[in-house]
Amino acid sequence: MNTDQLQGKWRQWKGAAKAHWGKLTDDELTQIEGNADKLAGLLQERYGYEKERARDEVSRFLRQNEVQEEV
């Protein structure tokens, strides 16, 4: 999935992101605006993830939500 697609679906997926990463606030998720890099940076900040793990977490989240939409 490219960044444009993530930004387009972000409003739909924001609730799923909140459920997945409970430490993120609604305001933070709104400010991310579907930007994968911002989301990864926020995961690093809130959860103490290293950069690579944060990116992996975002990628996994995107794959999971793409599959759920296809079903």
N, C-alpha and C. Protein backbone atom coordinates (compact mmCIF):
# COMPACT_ATOMS: atom_id res chain seq x y z
N MET A 1 0.84 -1.18 0.00
CA MET A 1 0.00 0.00 0.00
C MET A 1 0.88 1.23 0.00
N ASN A 2 0.52 2.19 -0.81
CA ASN A 2 1.30 3.41 -0.82
C ASN A 2 0.71 4.43 0.15
N THR A 3 1.45 5.50 0.37
CA THR A 3 1.07 6.50 1.36
C THR A 3 -0.26 7.15 1.02
N ASP A 4 -0.53 7.39 -0.27
CA ASP A 4 -1.80 8.00 -0.66
C ASP A 4 -2.98 7.13 -0.25
N GLN A 5 -2.85 5.83 -0.43
CA GLN A 5 -3.93 4.92 -0.06
C GLN A 5 -4.14 4.93 1.46
N LEU A 6 -3.06 4.94 2.22
CA LEU A 6 -3.17 4.98 3.68
C LEU A 6 -3.89 6.24 4.11
N GLN A 7 -3.51 7.37 3.53
CA GLN A 7 -4.14 8.63 3.89
C GLN A 7 -5.62 8.62 3.54
N GLY A 8 -5.96 7.99 2.43
CA GLY A 8 -7.36 7.91 2.02
C GLY A 8 -8.20 7.04 2.93
N LYS A 9 -7.62 6.04 3.52
CA LYS A 9 -8.35 5.11 4.37
C LYS A 9 -8.18 5.41 5.86
N TRP A 10 -7.40 6.42 6.18
CA TRP A 10 -7.04 6.66 7.58
C TRP A 10 -8.26 6.88 8.46
N ARG A 11 -9.25 7.60 7.98
CA ARG A 11 -10.44 7.85 8.81
C ARG A 11 -11.12 6.53 9.18
N GLN A 12 -11.13 5.58 8.25
CA GLN A 12 -11.73 4.28 8.52
C GLN A 12 -10.88 3.48 9.50
N TRP A 13 -9.57 3.58 9.36
CA TRP A 13 -8.67 2.74 10.14
C TRP A 13 -8.25 3.34 11.46
N LYS A 14 -8.58 4.60 11.69
CA LYS A 14 -8.14 5.28 12.91
C LYS A 14 -8.65 4.54 14.15
N GLY A 15 -9.88 4.08 14.14
CA GLY A 15 -10.43 3.33 15.27
C GLY A 15 -9.69 2.03 15.50
N ALA A 16 -9.33 1.36 14.41
CA ALA A 16 -8.57 0.12 14.54
C ALA A 16 -7.18 0.39 15.11
N ALA A 17 -6.59 1.52 14.71
CA ALA A 17 -5.27 1.89 15.25
C ALA A 17 -5.38 2.17 16.74
N LYS A 18 -6.44 2.83 17.16
CA LYS A 18 -6.65 3.14 18.58
C LYS A 18 -6.80 1.85 19.37
N ALA A 19 -7.53 0.89 18.84
CA ALA A 19 -7.70 -0.39 19.53
C ALA A 19 -6.39 -1.16 19.57
N HIS A 20 -5.60 -1.07 18.52
CA HIS A 20 -4.34 -1.80 18.42
C HIS A 20 -3.27 -1.21 19.31
N TRP A 21 -3.19 0.12 19.33
CA TRP A 21 -2.18 0.81 20.13
C TRP A 21 -2.89 1.73 21.12
N GLY A 22 -3.31 1.19 22.23
CA GLY A 22 -4.11 1.91 23.22
C GLY A 22 -3.45 3.12 23.84
N LYS A 23 -2.14 3.21 23.77
CA LYS A 23 -1.44 4.36 24.36
C LYS A 23 -1.53 5.61 23.50
N LEU A 24 -2.01 5.48 22.27
CA LEU A 24 -2.13 6.63 21.39
C LEU A 24 -3.48 7.30 21.61
N THR A 25 -3.47 8.61 21.68
CA THR A 25 -4.71 9.34 21.91
C THR A 25 -5.43 9.61 20.59
N ASP A 26 -6.70 9.94 20.70
CA ASP A 26 -7.48 10.29 19.51
C ASP A 26 -6.87 11.50 18.81
N ASP A 27 -6.44 12.49 19.59
CA ASP A 27 -5.84 13.68 19.00
C ASP A 27 -4.56 13.34 18.24
N GLU A 28 -3.74 12.47 18.81
CA GLU A 28 -2.50 12.07 18.12
C GLU A 28 -2.81 11.36 16.82
N LEU A 29 -3.78 10.47 16.86
CA LEU A 29 -4.15 9.74 15.65
C LEU A 29 -4.73 10.67 14.59
N THR A 30 -5.45 11.67 15.01
CA THR A 30 -5.98 12.66 14.07
C THR A 30 -4.84 13.45 13.44
N GLN A 31 -3.86 13.85 14.25
CA GLN A 31 -2.73 14.64 13.75
C GLN A 31 -1.85 13.86 12.78
N ILE A 32 -1.82 12.56 12.91
CA ILE A 32 -1.01 11.72 12.02
C ILE A 32 -1.50 11.84 10.58
N GLU A 33 -2.81 11.98 10.41
CA GLU A 33 -3.43 12.15 9.09
C GLU A 33 -3.06 11.04 8.11
N GLY A 34 -2.87 9.83 8.60
CA GLY A 34 -2.57 8.72 7.71
C GLY A 34 -1.14 8.66 7.24
N ASN A 35 -0.25 9.40 7.85
CA ASN A 35 1.15 9.41 7.45
C ASN A 35 1.88 8.28 8.20
N ALA A 36 2.35 7.29 7.45
CA ALA A 36 2.99 6.11 8.05
C ALA A 36 4.25 6.48 8.83
N ASP A 37 5.01 7.44 8.35
CA ASP A 37 6.23 7.85 9.06
C ASP A 37 5.89 8.51 10.39
N LYS A 38 4.85 9.33 10.40
CA LYS A 38 4.43 9.96 11.66
C LYS A 38 3.94 8.92 12.65
N LEU A 39 3.21 7.93 12.15
CA LEU A 39 2.71 6.87 13.01
C LEU A 39 3.87 6.09 13.60
N ALA A 40 4.85 5.75 12.78
CA ALA A 40 6.02 5.02 13.28
C ALA A 40 6.77 5.85 14.32
N GLY A 41 6.91 7.14 14.09
CA GLY A 41 7.58 8.01 15.05
C GLY A 41 6.84 8.08 16.37
N LEU A 42 5.54 8.12 16.31
CA LEU A 42 4.73 8.15 17.52
C LEU A 42 4.84 6.83 18.29
N LEU A 43 4.90 5.72 17.56
CA LEU A 43 5.08 4.43 18.22
C LEU A 43 6.43 4.36 18.92
N GLN A 44 7.45 4.93 18.30
CA GLN A 44 8.76 4.98 18.93
C GLN A 44 8.68 5.76 20.25
N GLU A 45 7.99 6.88 20.20
CA GLU A 45 7.88 7.75 21.36
C GLU A 45 7.07 7.12 22.49
N ARG A 46 5.90 6.60 22.16
CA ARG A 46 4.99 6.06 23.17
C ARG A 46 5.39 4.68 23.71
N TYR A 47 5.88 3.84 22.82
CA TYR A 47 6.16 2.46 23.20
C TYR A 47 7.65 2.16 23.35
N GLY A 48 8.49 3.11 22.99
CA GLY A 48 9.93 2.89 23.11
C GLY A 48 10.49 1.93 22.08
N TYR A 49 9.77 1.76 20.97
CA TYR A 49 10.24 0.88 19.91
C TYR A 49 11.45 1.50 19.21
N GLU A 50 12.32 0.63 18.73
CA GLU A 50 13.38 1.09 17.84
C GLU A 50 12.74 1.39 16.48
N LYS A 51 13.44 2.18 15.68
CA LYS A 51 12.90 2.64 14.39
C LYS A 51 12.41 1.48 13.53
N GLU A 52 13.21 0.45 13.40
CA GLU A 52 12.84 -0.68 12.54
C GLU A 52 11.60 -1.40 13.06
N ARG A 53 11.51 -1.58 14.37
CA ARG A 53 10.34 -2.26 14.93
C ARG A 53 9.08 -1.41 14.71
N ALA A 54 9.20 -0.11 14.88
CA ALA A 54 8.05 0.77 14.66
C ALA A 54 7.56 0.67 13.23
N ARG A 55 8.48 0.67 12.28
CA ARG A 55 8.10 0.53 10.86
C ARG A 55 7.46 -0.83 10.61
N ASP A 56 8.00 -1.88 11.21
CA ASP A 56 7.42 -3.21 11.06
C ASP A 56 6.01 -3.27 11.63
N GLU A 57 5.80 -2.63 12.78
CA GLU A 57 4.47 -2.59 13.39
C GLU A 57 3.46 -1.91 12.46
N VAL A 58 3.86 -0.80 11.87
CA VAL A 58 2.98 -0.08 10.95
C VAL A 58 2.69 -0.94 9.73
N SER A 59 3.70 -1.57 9.17
CA SER A 59 3.50 -2.44 8.00
C SER A 59 2.56 -3.59 8.31
N ARG A 60 2.73 -4.19 9.47
CA ARG A 60 1.86 -5.31 9.88
C ARG A 60 0.42 -4.82 10.03
N PHE A 61 0.25 -3.67 10.64
CA PHE A 61 -1.09 -3.10 10.81
C PHE A 61 -1.76 -2.85 9.46
N LEU A 62 -1.00 -2.31 8.51
CA LEU A 62 -1.54 -2.04 7.18
C LEU A 62 -1.96 -3.33 6.49
N ARG A 63 -1.11 -4.33 6.55
CA ARG A 63 -1.44 -5.62 5.92
C ARG A 63 -2.70 -6.22 6.53
N GLN A 64 -2.81 -6.19 7.85
CA GLN A 64 -3.96 -6.76 8.53
C GLN A 64 -5.25 -6.05 8.10
N ASN A 65 -5.19 -4.75 8.00
CA ASN A 65 -6.39 -4.00 7.64
C ASN A 65 -6.75 -4.14 6.16
N GLU A 66 -5.76 -4.31 5.31
CA GLU A 66 -6.04 -4.56 3.90
C GLU A 66 -6.76 -5.89 3.74
N VAL A 67 -6.31 -6.90 4.45
CA VAL A 67 -6.91 -8.22 4.36
C VAL A 67 -8.35 -8.18 4.90
N GLN A 68 -8.57 -7.48 5.99
CA GLN A 68 -9.91 -7.39 6.56
C GLN A 68 -10.88 -6.70 5.62
N GLU A 69 -10.40 -5.72 4.86
CA GLU A 69 -11.27 -5.03 3.90
C GLU A 69 -11.64 -5.94 2.74
N GLU A 70 -10.75 -6.85 2.37
CA GLU A 70 -11.00 -7.73 1.24
C GLU A 70 -12.01 -8.81 1.56
N VAL A 71 -12.17 -9.13 2.84
CA VAL A 71 -13.07 -10.21 3.25
C VAL A 71 -14.50 -9.76 3.22
